Amino acid sequence: ARWRAILTLFLSVLIICHQTQPQAACAPPPRETIATAEHMQQAEDMREAVAGEGGGPTERAWHDYVVGVSAVTLEAMLSGLSNVYFERVLKSTALSLWERNVQLAGYSLLIYVPMAQHAHPGDMLHGWSGVTVVVACLGALGGILIGLVLKYCDSIIKNLALSTAIITTATLDHFVFHGPMNLPIIAAAGSVLISIINYTDA
């Protein structure tokens, strides 16, 4: 019953994410942009014809699609593995949650500080604003909350909470930014709630 609830939850979240994805602008592009795009496409087609590469735009689109799906699948697998491993580390070692977070933050600094210094020498906070600082603080707070959930519950409960967060985000997006709110989103949201109830009762 729990596997069925998780599968239903997964499919429902996919529907919500698909329905709420950003749409292309309705306004037509300028003529200069259209002409430039046409010239670039013609040049690309000529290069492919000269190079003898088989396949047209459809084949390239399928290739890009397969690469994108493979990358997302790999990212999802690594994310799930890291969640399970982090839960095991939190529950099997004597270090507290705060000590583990400080440890992970130290490792992150070893990676991101040199990258920021290389991108903008002498000004690692280039482009930062008050909003950026708030977003960074919210991200850090979210990491601590996830650590607490993993320590006192498990990875599945964390994913259930993320699913309800997606529903909340879609609802706020509709009322604040006039985002989409159609029948598939409402039905998927109801399916998410039912799946969570079924999982907790199983």
N, C-alpha and C. Protein backbone atom coordinates (compact mmCIF):
# COMPACT_ATOMS: atom_id res chain seq x y z
N ALA A 1 0.82 -1.20 0.00
CA ALA A 1 0.00 0.00 0.00
C ALA A 1 0.87 1.26 0.00
N ARG A 2 2.00 1.19 0.73
CA ARG A 2 2.87 2.37 0.78
C ARG A 2 3.54 2.62 -0.56
N TRP A 3 3.95 1.56 -1.27
CA TRP A 3 4.54 1.76 -2.58
C TRP A 3 3.53 2.34 -3.55
N ARG A 4 2.29 1.90 -3.47
CA ARG A 4 1.25 2.46 -4.33
C ARG A 4 1.03 3.93 -4.03
N ALA A 5 1.04 4.28 -2.75
CA ALA A 5 0.86 5.69 -2.37
C ALA A 5 2.02 6.54 -2.86
N ILE A 6 3.25 6.01 -2.77
CA ILE A 6 4.43 6.76 -3.22
C ILE A 6 4.39 6.96 -4.73
N LEU A 7 4.00 5.90 -5.48
CA LEU A 7 3.91 6.01 -6.94
C LEU A 7 2.85 7.03 -7.34
N THR A 8 1.70 6.99 -6.69
CA THR A 8 0.65 7.97 -6.98
C THR A 8 1.10 9.38 -6.65
N LEU A 9 1.80 9.51 -5.54
CA LEU A 9 2.34 10.83 -5.15
C LEU A 9 3.31 11.35 -6.20
N PHE A 10 4.17 10.48 -6.69
CA PHE A 10 5.17 10.86 -7.69
C PHE A 10 4.49 11.35 -8.97
N LEU A 11 3.52 10.60 -9.46
CA LEU A 11 2.84 10.98 -10.69
C LEU A 11 2.05 12.28 -10.51
N SER A 12 1.46 12.47 -9.35
CA SER A 12 0.69 13.69 -9.09
C SER A 12 1.59 14.91 -9.07
N VAL A 13 2.74 14.78 -8.44
CA VAL A 13 3.68 15.90 -8.40
C VAL A 13 4.19 16.23 -9.81
N LEU A 14 4.41 15.21 -10.62
CA LEU A 14 4.82 15.45 -12.01
C LEU A 14 3.77 16.26 -12.76
N ILE A 15 2.50 15.94 -12.55
CA ILE A 15 1.42 16.68 -13.22
C ILE A 15 1.43 18.14 -12.79
N ILE A 16 1.57 18.38 -11.48
CA ILE A 16 1.57 19.75 -10.98
C ILE A 16 2.76 20.53 -11.55
N CYS A 17 3.94 19.92 -11.54
CA CYS A 17 5.13 20.60 -12.06
C CYS A 17 5.00 20.89 -13.55
N HIS A 18 4.40 19.95 -14.29
CA HIS A 18 4.23 20.16 -15.73
C HIS A 18 3.23 21.28 -16.01
N GLN A 19 2.16 21.34 -15.25
CA GLN A 19 1.12 22.34 -15.49
C GLN A 19 1.56 23.74 -15.06
N THR A 20 2.47 23.82 -14.09
CA THR A 20 2.88 25.13 -13.58
C THR A 20 4.21 25.60 -14.15
N GLN A 21 4.76 24.90 -15.14
CA GLN A 21 6.03 25.33 -15.70
C GLN A 21 5.85 26.64 -16.46
N PRO A 22 6.91 27.46 -16.53
CA PRO A 22 6.80 28.75 -17.23
C PRO A 22 6.47 28.54 -18.70
N GLN A 23 5.60 29.40 -19.19
CA GLN A 23 5.21 29.33 -20.59
C GLN A 23 5.95 30.40 -21.37
N ALA A 24 6.08 30.16 -22.66
CA ALA A 24 6.74 31.13 -23.52
C ALA A 24 5.90 32.40 -23.63
N ALA A 25 6.56 33.51 -23.84
CA ALA A 25 5.87 34.79 -23.95
C ALA A 25 4.96 34.79 -25.18
N CYS A 26 3.80 35.42 -25.02
CA CYS A 26 2.83 35.44 -26.11
C CYS A 26 3.19 36.48 -27.17
N ALA A 27 3.91 37.51 -26.80
CA ALA A 27 4.24 38.58 -27.75
C ALA A 27 5.21 38.06 -28.80
N PRO A 28 5.00 38.39 -30.08
CA PRO A 28 5.90 37.92 -31.13
C PRO A 28 7.25 38.60 -31.02
N PRO A 29 8.34 37.91 -31.37
CA PRO A 29 9.66 38.52 -31.30
C PRO A 29 9.84 39.56 -32.39
N PRO A 30 10.78 40.47 -32.23
CA PRO A 30 11.02 41.49 -33.25
C PRO A 30 11.47 40.86 -34.57
N ARG A 31 11.31 41.62 -35.66
CA ARG A 31 11.69 41.09 -36.97
C ARG A 31 13.18 40.81 -37.04
N GLU A 32 13.98 41.67 -36.37
CA GLU A 32 15.42 41.46 -36.39
C GLU A 32 15.78 40.13 -35.75
N THR A 33 15.08 39.80 -34.65
CA THR A 33 15.35 38.53 -33.97
C THR A 33 14.98 37.36 -34.86
N ILE A 34 13.84 37.48 -35.55
CA ILE A 34 13.42 36.40 -36.44
C ILE A 34 14.42 36.20 -37.57
N ALA A 35 14.85 37.31 -38.17
CA ALA A 35 15.81 37.21 -39.27
C ALA A 35 17.12 36.60 -38.80
N THR A 36 17.59 37.04 -37.63
CA THR A 36 18.84 36.49 -37.11
C THR A 36 18.71 35.00 -36.83
N ALA A 37 17.59 34.59 -36.26
CA ALA A 37 17.38 33.17 -35.97
C ALA A 37 17.34 32.36 -37.26
N GLU A 38 16.68 32.90 -38.30
CA GLU A 38 16.61 32.18 -39.57
C GLU A 38 17.99 32.03 -40.18
N HIS A 39 18.79 33.09 -40.13
CA HIS A 39 20.14 33.02 -40.69
C HIS A 39 20.99 32.02 -39.92
N MET A 40 20.86 32.01 -38.60
CA MET A 40 21.63 31.06 -37.79
C MET A 40 21.22 29.63 -38.10
N GLN A 41 19.91 29.39 -38.27
CA GLN A 41 19.43 28.04 -38.59
C GLN A 41 19.92 27.61 -39.95
N GLN A 42 19.91 28.53 -40.95
CA GLN A 42 20.40 28.20 -42.27
C GLN A 42 21.88 27.86 -42.24
N ALA A 43 22.64 28.64 -41.48
CA ALA A 43 24.07 28.36 -41.36
C ALA A 43 24.32 27.01 -40.71
N GLU A 44 23.54 26.71 -39.71
CA GLU A 44 23.69 25.42 -39.03
C GLU A 44 23.36 24.27 -39.97
N ASP A 45 22.27 24.41 -40.75
CA ASP A 45 21.90 23.37 -41.70
C ASP A 45 22.98 23.17 -42.76
N MET A 46 23.59 24.28 -43.21
CA MET A 46 24.65 24.18 -44.21
C MET A 46 25.87 23.48 -43.64
N ARG A 47 26.20 23.79 -42.39
CA ARG A 47 27.35 23.13 -41.76
C ARG A 47 27.13 21.64 -41.64
N GLU A 48 25.92 21.26 -41.28
CA GLU A 48 25.63 19.83 -41.15
C GLU A 48 25.67 19.13 -42.50
N ALA A 49 25.19 19.84 -43.54
CA ALA A 49 25.21 19.23 -44.87
C ALA A 49 26.64 19.04 -45.35
N VAL A 50 27.51 20.03 -45.10
CA VAL A 50 28.90 19.93 -45.52
C VAL A 50 29.63 18.85 -44.73
N ALA A 51 29.35 18.79 -43.44
CA ALA A 51 30.04 17.81 -42.59
C ALA A 51 29.54 16.40 -42.82
N GLY A 52 28.40 16.26 -43.49
CA GLY A 52 27.88 14.93 -43.76
C GLY A 52 27.19 14.30 -42.57
N GLU A 53 26.76 15.09 -41.63
CA GLU A 53 26.08 14.54 -40.47
C GLU A 53 24.65 14.19 -40.85
N GLY A 54 24.22 13.00 -40.45
CA GLY A 54 22.87 12.58 -40.74
C GLY A 54 21.88 13.14 -39.75
N GLY A 55 20.62 13.14 -40.16
CA GLY A 55 19.58 13.57 -39.24
C GLY A 55 19.30 15.04 -39.35
N GLY A 56 18.05 15.39 -39.13
CA GLY A 56 17.64 16.77 -39.19
C GLY A 56 17.34 17.32 -37.82
N PRO A 57 16.55 18.40 -37.79
CA PRO A 57 16.19 19.01 -36.50
C PRO A 57 15.47 18.06 -35.56
N THR A 58 14.63 17.15 -36.12
CA THR A 58 13.89 16.22 -35.27
C THR A 58 14.84 15.29 -34.52
N GLU A 59 15.84 14.80 -35.24
CA GLU A 59 16.81 13.91 -34.60
C GLU A 59 17.60 14.64 -33.53
N ARG A 60 17.99 15.88 -33.79
CA ARG A 60 18.72 16.66 -32.79
C ARG A 60 17.84 16.91 -31.57
N ALA A 61 16.55 17.17 -31.81
CA ALA A 61 15.63 17.41 -30.69
C ALA A 61 15.51 16.16 -29.83
N TRP A 62 15.41 15.00 -30.47
CA TRP A 62 15.31 13.75 -29.70
C TRP A 62 16.59 13.50 -28.92
N HIS A 63 17.72 13.81 -29.55
CA HIS A 63 19.00 13.64 -28.85
C HIS A 63 19.07 14.52 -27.61
N ASP A 64 18.68 15.79 -27.77
CA ASP A 64 18.68 16.71 -26.62
C ASP A 64 17.70 16.24 -25.55
N TYR A 65 16.56 15.70 -25.97
CA TYR A 65 15.56 15.23 -25.02
C TYR A 65 16.10 14.04 -24.21
N VAL A 66 16.73 13.11 -24.89
CA VAL A 66 17.28 11.93 -24.20
C VAL A 66 18.38 12.35 -23.22
N VAL A 67 19.24 13.27 -23.65
CA VAL A 67 20.30 13.74 -22.76
C VAL A 67 19.71 14.43 -21.54
N GLY A 68 18.69 15.26 -21.75
CA GLY A 68 18.06 15.97 -20.64
C GLY A 68 17.39 15.02 -19.65
N VAL A 69 16.63 14.05 -20.18
CA VAL A 69 15.97 13.09 -19.30
C VAL A 69 16.99 12.25 -18.54
N SER A 70 18.07 11.86 -19.21
CA SER A 70 19.11 11.07 -18.54
C SER A 70 19.77 11.87 -17.42
N ALA A 71 20.03 13.15 -17.69
CA ALA A 71 20.66 13.99 -16.66
C ALA A 71 19.74 14.17 -15.46
N VAL A 72 18.45 14.40 -15.71
CA VAL A 72 17.50 14.56 -14.61
C VAL A 72 17.35 13.26 -13.83
N THR A 73 17.32 12.12 -14.53
CA THR A 73 17.22 10.83 -13.85
C THR A 73 18.44 10.58 -12.96
N LEU A 74 19.63 10.88 -13.48
CA LEU A 74 20.84 10.72 -12.68
C LEU A 74 20.83 11.64 -11.47
N GLU A 75 20.37 12.88 -11.66
CA GLU A 75 20.30 13.82 -10.54
C GLU A 75 19.33 13.32 -9.47
N ALA A 76 18.19 12.76 -9.90
CA ALA A 76 17.21 12.25 -8.94
C ALA A 76 17.77 11.06 -8.16
N MET A 77 18.50 10.17 -8.86
CA MET A 77 19.09 9.02 -8.19
C MET A 77 20.14 9.44 -7.17
N LEU A 78 20.99 10.39 -7.57
CA LEU A 78 22.02 10.88 -6.65
C LEU A 78 21.40 11.61 -5.46
N SER A 79 20.32 12.35 -5.71
CA SER A 79 19.65 13.06 -4.63
C SER A 79 19.05 12.07 -3.62
N GLY A 80 18.39 11.03 -4.12
CA GLY A 80 17.84 10.02 -3.22
C GLY A 80 18.93 9.30 -2.44
N LEU A 81 20.03 8.96 -3.11
CA LEU A 81 21.14 8.30 -2.43
C LEU A 81 21.74 9.18 -1.35
N SER A 82 21.91 10.47 -1.66
CA SER A 82 22.48 11.38 -0.67
C SER A 82 21.55 11.56 0.53
N ASN A 83 20.24 11.57 0.29
CA ASN A 83 19.29 11.69 1.40
C ASN A 83 19.38 10.50 2.34
N VAL A 84 19.42 9.30 1.75
CA VAL A 84 19.49 8.09 2.57
C VAL A 84 20.81 8.05 3.34
N TYR A 85 21.91 8.41 2.66
CA TYR A 85 23.22 8.38 3.32
C TYR A 85 23.28 9.42 4.44
N PHE A 86 22.74 10.61 4.19
CA PHE A 86 22.76 11.65 5.21
C PHE A 86 21.91 11.24 6.42
N GLU A 87 20.79 10.58 6.16
CA GLU A 87 19.96 10.09 7.26
C GLU A 87 20.73 9.05 8.08
N ARG A 88 21.44 8.16 7.40
CA ARG A 88 22.22 7.15 8.11
C ARG A 88 23.32 7.79 8.95
N VAL A 89 23.98 8.81 8.38
CA VAL A 89 25.06 9.48 9.12
C VAL A 89 24.51 10.17 10.36
N LEU A 90 23.35 10.84 10.23
CA LEU A 90 22.78 11.55 11.37
C LEU A 90 22.36 10.60 12.48
N LYS A 91 21.87 9.41 12.10
CA LYS A 91 21.32 8.50 13.10
C LYS A 91 22.33 7.48 13.63
N SER A 92 23.52 7.44 13.04
CA SER A 92 24.49 6.41 13.45
C SER A 92 25.77 6.98 14.04
N THR A 93 25.89 8.30 14.14
CA THR A 93 27.11 8.90 14.69
C THR A 93 26.76 9.70 15.94
N ALA A 94 27.81 9.98 16.72
CA ALA A 94 27.61 10.71 17.97
C ALA A 94 27.51 12.21 17.77
N LEU A 95 27.91 12.71 16.59
CA LEU A 95 27.86 14.14 16.34
C LEU A 95 26.42 14.62 16.25
N SER A 96 26.18 15.83 16.71
CA SER A 96 24.84 16.39 16.66
C SER A 96 24.54 16.92 15.26
N LEU A 97 23.28 17.30 15.06
CA LEU A 97 22.87 17.85 13.77
C LEU A 97 23.63 19.12 13.45
N TRP A 98 23.84 19.98 14.44
CA TRP A 98 24.53 21.25 14.21
C TRP A 98 25.99 21.02 13.85
N GLU A 99 26.62 20.06 14.52
CA GLU A 99 28.02 19.77 14.20
C GLU A 99 28.15 19.22 12.78
N ARG A 100 27.22 18.38 12.37
CA ARG A 100 27.25 17.86 11.00
C ARG A 100 27.01 18.98 9.98
N ASN A 101 26.11 19.90 10.28
CA ASN A 101 25.87 21.00 9.36
C ASN A 101 27.09 21.90 9.22
N VAL A 102 27.77 22.16 10.32
CA VAL A 102 29.00 22.96 10.26
C VAL A 102 30.06 22.23 9.45
N GLN A 103 30.14 20.92 9.63
CA GLN A 103 31.11 20.12 8.88
C GLN A 103 30.82 20.19 7.38
N LEU A 104 29.56 20.00 7.00
CA LEU A 104 29.19 20.06 5.59
C LEU A 104 29.40 21.46 5.02
N ALA A 105 29.10 22.48 5.83
CA ALA A 105 29.31 23.86 5.36
C ALA A 105 30.79 24.12 5.11
N GLY A 106 31.65 23.56 5.96
CA GLY A 106 33.09 23.73 5.75
C GLY A 106 33.54 23.11 4.44
N TYR A 107 33.04 21.92 4.14
CA TYR A 107 33.37 21.29 2.85
C TYR A 107 32.84 22.11 1.68
N SER A 108 31.66 22.67 1.84
CA SER A 108 31.09 23.49 0.76
C SER A 108 31.92 24.74 0.51
N LEU A 109 32.41 25.34 1.60
CA LEU A 109 33.24 26.54 1.44
C LEU A 109 34.51 26.23 0.66
N LEU A 110 35.07 25.05 0.87
CA LEU A 110 36.28 24.67 0.14
C LEU A 110 36.04 24.58 -1.36
N ILE A 111 34.78 24.36 -1.75
CA ILE A 111 34.45 24.25 -3.18
C ILE A 111 34.02 25.59 -3.75
N TYR A 112 33.10 26.29 -3.05
CA TYR A 112 32.47 27.46 -3.64
C TYR A 112 33.28 28.74 -3.49
N VAL A 113 34.07 28.86 -2.43
CA VAL A 113 34.87 30.08 -2.28
C VAL A 113 35.90 30.22 -3.40
N PRO A 114 36.68 29.17 -3.73
CA PRO A 114 37.59 29.33 -4.88
C PRO A 114 36.86 29.61 -6.19
N MET A 115 35.67 29.01 -6.38
CA MET A 115 34.92 29.28 -7.61
C MET A 115 34.48 30.74 -7.68
N ALA A 116 33.99 31.27 -6.55
CA ALA A 116 33.58 32.68 -6.52
C ALA A 116 34.77 33.61 -6.71
N GLN A 117 35.90 33.26 -6.11
CA GLN A 117 37.09 34.09 -6.24
C GLN A 117 37.61 34.08 -7.68
N HIS A 118 37.49 32.94 -8.33
CA HIS A 118 37.94 32.85 -9.72
C HIS A 118 37.01 33.63 -10.65
N ALA A 119 35.70 33.59 -10.38
CA ALA A 119 34.75 34.29 -11.24
C ALA A 119 34.87 35.80 -11.10
N HIS A 120 35.06 36.30 -9.85
CA HIS A 120 35.15 37.73 -9.60
C HIS A 120 36.28 37.97 -8.59
N PRO A 121 37.51 38.06 -9.05
CA PRO A 121 38.65 38.24 -8.13
C PRO A 121 38.49 39.52 -7.32
N GLY A 122 38.66 39.38 -6.02
CA GLY A 122 38.58 40.54 -5.13
C GLY A 122 37.17 40.94 -4.75
N ASP A 123 36.16 40.33 -5.35
CA ASP A 123 34.78 40.70 -5.03
C ASP A 123 33.92 39.44 -5.14
N MET A 124 34.00 38.58 -4.12
CA MET A 124 33.27 37.31 -4.15
C MET A 124 31.76 37.50 -4.06
N LEU A 125 31.32 38.63 -3.51
CA LEU A 125 29.88 38.89 -3.38
C LEU A 125 29.37 39.78 -4.51
N HIS A 126 30.02 39.72 -5.65
CA HIS A 126 29.61 40.53 -6.79
C HIS A 126 28.19 40.16 -7.22
N GLY A 127 27.35 41.19 -7.36
CA GLY A 127 25.98 40.98 -7.79
C GLY A 127 25.00 40.65 -6.67
N TRP A 128 25.49 40.53 -5.45
CA TRP A 128 24.60 40.22 -4.33
C TRP A 128 23.81 41.46 -3.92
N SER A 129 22.57 41.25 -3.49
CA SER A 129 21.72 42.32 -2.99
C SER A 129 21.03 41.85 -1.72
N GLY A 130 20.19 42.70 -1.17
CA GLY A 130 19.47 42.30 0.03
C GLY A 130 18.58 41.09 -0.20
N VAL A 131 17.95 41.05 -1.37
CA VAL A 131 17.10 39.90 -1.71
C VAL A 131 17.94 38.62 -1.80
N THR A 132 19.12 38.74 -2.38
CA THR A 132 20.00 37.57 -2.49
C THR A 132 20.38 37.03 -1.12
N VAL A 133 20.67 37.93 -0.19
CA VAL A 133 21.03 37.51 1.16
C VAL A 133 19.85 36.80 1.83
N VAL A 134 18.64 37.34 1.64
CA VAL A 134 17.46 36.71 2.23
C VAL A 134 17.26 35.32 1.65
N VAL A 135 17.41 35.18 0.33
CA VAL A 135 17.24 33.87 -0.30
C VAL A 135 18.29 32.88 0.21
N ALA A 136 19.54 33.36 0.37
CA ALA A 136 20.59 32.48 0.89
C ALA A 136 20.28 32.04 2.32
N CYS A 137 19.79 32.95 3.14
CA CYS A 137 19.43 32.60 4.52
C CYS A 137 18.27 31.61 4.56
N LEU A 138 17.28 31.80 3.67
CA LEU A 138 16.17 30.86 3.60
C LEU A 138 16.65 29.48 3.16
N GLY A 139 17.60 29.45 2.23
CA GLY A 139 18.16 28.17 1.81
C GLY A 139 18.88 27.46 2.95
N ALA A 140 19.64 28.23 3.74
CA ALA A 140 20.33 27.64 4.89
C ALA A 140 19.33 27.13 5.93
N LEU A 141 18.26 27.92 6.16
CA LEU A 141 17.23 27.48 7.10
C LEU A 141 16.53 26.22 6.60
N GLY A 142 16.29 26.16 5.30
CA GLY A 142 15.68 24.96 4.73
C GLY A 142 16.56 23.73 4.90
N GLY A 143 17.87 23.91 4.76
CA GLY A 143 18.79 22.80 4.97
C GLY A 143 18.75 22.29 6.40
N ILE A 144 18.66 23.20 7.36
CA ILE A 144 18.58 22.79 8.76
C ILE A 144 17.26 22.06 9.03
N LEU A 145 16.16 22.56 8.46
CA LEU A 145 14.87 21.88 8.63
C LEU A 145 14.90 20.48 8.04
N ILE A 146 15.52 20.33 6.86
CA ILE A 146 15.62 19.01 6.25
C ILE A 146 16.45 18.08 7.13
N GLY A 147 17.54 18.62 7.71
CA GLY A 147 18.34 17.81 8.62
C GLY A 147 17.56 17.35 9.83
N LEU A 148 16.72 18.22 10.38
CA LEU A 148 15.89 17.85 11.52
C LEU A 148 14.88 16.76 11.15
N VAL A 149 14.29 16.91 9.97
CA VAL A 149 13.32 15.89 9.52
C VAL A 149 14.02 14.54 9.33
N LEU A 150 15.20 14.54 8.72
CA LEU A 150 15.92 13.29 8.50
C LEU A 150 16.37 12.66 9.81
N LYS A 151 16.71 13.49 10.79
CA LYS A 151 17.20 12.95 12.06
C LYS A 151 16.06 12.33 12.88
N TYR A 152 14.92 13.00 12.92
CA TYR A 152 13.84 12.53 13.78
C TYR A 152 12.74 11.78 13.03
N CYS A 153 12.77 11.80 11.70
CA CYS A 153 11.80 11.02 10.91
C CYS A 153 12.58 10.18 9.91
N ASP A 154 12.32 10.35 8.63
CA ASP A 154 13.09 9.65 7.61
C ASP A 154 12.95 10.39 6.28
N SER A 155 13.62 9.84 5.25
CA SER A 155 13.64 10.50 3.94
C SER A 155 12.26 10.53 3.30
N ILE A 156 11.45 9.50 3.53
CA ILE A 156 10.12 9.46 2.93
C ILE A 156 9.25 10.60 3.47
N ILE A 157 9.31 10.81 4.78
CA ILE A 157 8.54 11.90 5.38
C ILE A 157 9.00 13.25 4.81
N LYS A 158 10.30 13.37 4.58
CA LYS A 158 10.81 14.62 3.98
C LYS A 158 10.22 14.84 2.60
N ASN A 159 10.14 13.78 1.79
CA ASN A 159 9.57 13.91 0.46
C ASN A 159 8.07 14.20 0.50
N LEU A 160 7.38 13.64 1.49
CA LEU A 160 5.97 13.98 1.65
C LEU A 160 5.80 15.46 1.97
N ALA A 161 6.68 15.98 2.82
CA ALA A 161 6.62 17.40 3.15
C ALA A 161 6.93 18.26 1.93
N LEU A 162 7.89 17.82 1.11
CA LEU A 162 8.20 18.57 -0.12
C LEU A 162 7.02 18.56 -1.08
N SER A 163 6.28 17.48 -1.12
CA SER A 163 5.11 17.41 -1.99
C SER A 163 4.05 18.42 -1.58
N THR A 164 3.80 18.51 -0.28
CA THR A 164 2.85 19.52 0.19
C THR A 164 3.38 20.93 -0.06
N ALA A 165 4.70 21.10 -0.01
CA ALA A 165 5.29 22.42 -0.31
C ALA A 165 5.06 22.79 -1.77
N ILE A 166 5.12 21.81 -2.67
CA ILE A 166 4.86 22.08 -4.08
C ILE A 166 3.41 22.52 -4.29
N ILE A 167 2.48 21.89 -3.59
CA ILE A 167 1.08 22.30 -3.68
C ILE A 167 0.92 23.73 -3.15
N THR A 168 1.55 24.02 -2.02
CA THR A 168 1.46 25.37 -1.44
C THR A 168 2.05 26.40 -2.40
N THR A 169 3.18 26.06 -3.02
CA THR A 169 3.81 26.98 -3.97
C THR A 169 2.92 27.25 -5.17
N ALA A 170 2.30 26.19 -5.70
CA ALA A 170 1.41 26.37 -6.84
C ALA A 170 0.20 27.23 -6.47
N THR A 171 -0.31 27.06 -5.26
CA THR A 171 -1.45 27.86 -4.81
C THR A 171 -1.07 29.33 -4.65
N LEU A 172 0.07 29.57 -4.01
CA LEU A 172 0.53 30.96 -3.84
C LEU A 172 0.85 31.59 -5.19
N ASP A 173 1.42 30.81 -6.10
CA ASP A 173 1.72 31.32 -7.43
C ASP A 173 0.44 31.76 -8.15
N HIS A 174 -0.65 31.04 -7.92
CA HIS A 174 -1.91 31.41 -8.58
C HIS A 174 -2.48 32.70 -8.00
N PHE A 175 -2.47 32.85 -6.68
CA PHE A 175 -3.10 34.01 -6.06
C PHE A 175 -2.20 35.25 -6.07
N VAL A 176 -0.90 35.06 -6.03
CA VAL A 176 0.01 36.21 -5.97
C VAL A 176 0.48 36.64 -7.35
N PHE A 177 0.86 35.65 -8.20
CA PHE A 177 1.42 35.98 -9.50
C PHE A 177 0.50 35.58 -10.65
N HIS A 178 -0.76 35.24 -10.33
CA HIS A 178 -1.75 34.88 -11.35
C HIS A 178 -1.28 33.70 -12.20
N GLY A 179 -0.67 32.73 -11.55
CA GLY A 179 -0.24 31.52 -12.24
C GLY A 179 -1.40 30.62 -12.57
N PRO A 180 -1.13 29.52 -13.28
CA PRO A 180 -2.22 28.63 -13.70
C PRO A 180 -2.81 27.88 -12.52
N MET A 181 -4.11 27.65 -12.59
CA MET A 181 -4.81 26.81 -11.61
C MET A 181 -5.98 26.16 -12.34
N ASN A 182 -5.72 24.99 -12.90
CA ASN A 182 -6.73 24.32 -13.71
C ASN A 182 -7.12 23.00 -13.08
N LEU A 183 -7.97 22.26 -13.79
CA LEU A 183 -8.46 21.00 -13.25
C LEU A 183 -7.36 19.97 -13.01
N PRO A 184 -6.38 19.79 -13.92
CA PRO A 184 -5.30 18.83 -13.63
C PRO A 184 -4.53 19.16 -12.35
N ILE A 185 -4.26 20.45 -12.10
CA ILE A 185 -3.53 20.83 -10.89
C ILE A 185 -4.36 20.51 -9.64
N ILE A 186 -5.65 20.86 -9.69
CA ILE A 186 -6.51 20.61 -8.53
C ILE A 186 -6.65 19.11 -8.27
N ALA A 187 -6.83 18.33 -9.35
CA ALA A 187 -6.97 16.88 -9.19
C ALA A 187 -5.67 16.27 -8.67
N ALA A 188 -4.53 16.73 -9.19
CA ALA A 188 -3.24 16.20 -8.74
C ALA A 188 -2.99 16.57 -7.28
N ALA A 189 -3.37 17.80 -6.89
CA ALA A 189 -3.20 18.19 -5.49
C ALA A 189 -4.03 17.32 -4.56
N GLY A 190 -5.27 17.05 -4.96
CA GLY A 190 -6.08 16.14 -4.16
C GLY A 190 -5.51 14.75 -4.10
N SER A 191 -4.93 14.29 -5.21
CA SER A 191 -4.30 12.97 -5.23
C SER A 191 -3.08 12.93 -4.31
N VAL A 192 -2.33 14.03 -4.26
CA VAL A 192 -1.17 14.09 -3.35
C VAL A 192 -1.62 13.96 -1.91
N LEU A 193 -2.66 14.70 -1.54
CA LEU A 193 -3.15 14.63 -0.16
C LEU A 193 -3.66 13.25 0.19
N ILE A 194 -4.38 12.61 -0.75
CA ILE A 194 -4.87 11.25 -0.50
C ILE A 194 -3.71 10.27 -0.36
N SER A 195 -2.68 10.45 -1.19
CA SER A 195 -1.53 9.56 -1.12
C SER A 195 -0.81 9.69 0.21
N ILE A 196 -0.69 10.91 0.70
CA ILE A 196 -0.04 11.11 2.00
C ILE A 196 -0.85 10.44 3.11
N ILE A 197 -2.16 10.59 3.05
CA ILE A 197 -3.02 9.95 4.07
C ILE A 197 -2.89 8.43 4.00
N ASN A 198 -2.89 7.90 2.76
CA ASN A 198 -2.77 6.44 2.61
C ASN A 198 -1.42 5.93 3.11
N TYR A 199 -0.37 6.71 2.87
CA TYR A 199 0.96 6.28 3.30
C TYR A 199 1.06 6.27 4.84
N THR A 200 0.56 7.32 5.46
CA THR A 200 0.67 7.40 6.92
C THR A 200 -0.23 6.38 7.61
N ASP A 201 -1.35 6.00 6.97
CA ASP A 201 -2.25 5.02 7.57
C ASP A 201 -1.85 3.58 7.29
N ALA A 202 -0.95 3.38 6.31
CA ALA A 202 -0.57 2.01 5.94
C ALA A 202 0.32 1.37 7.01
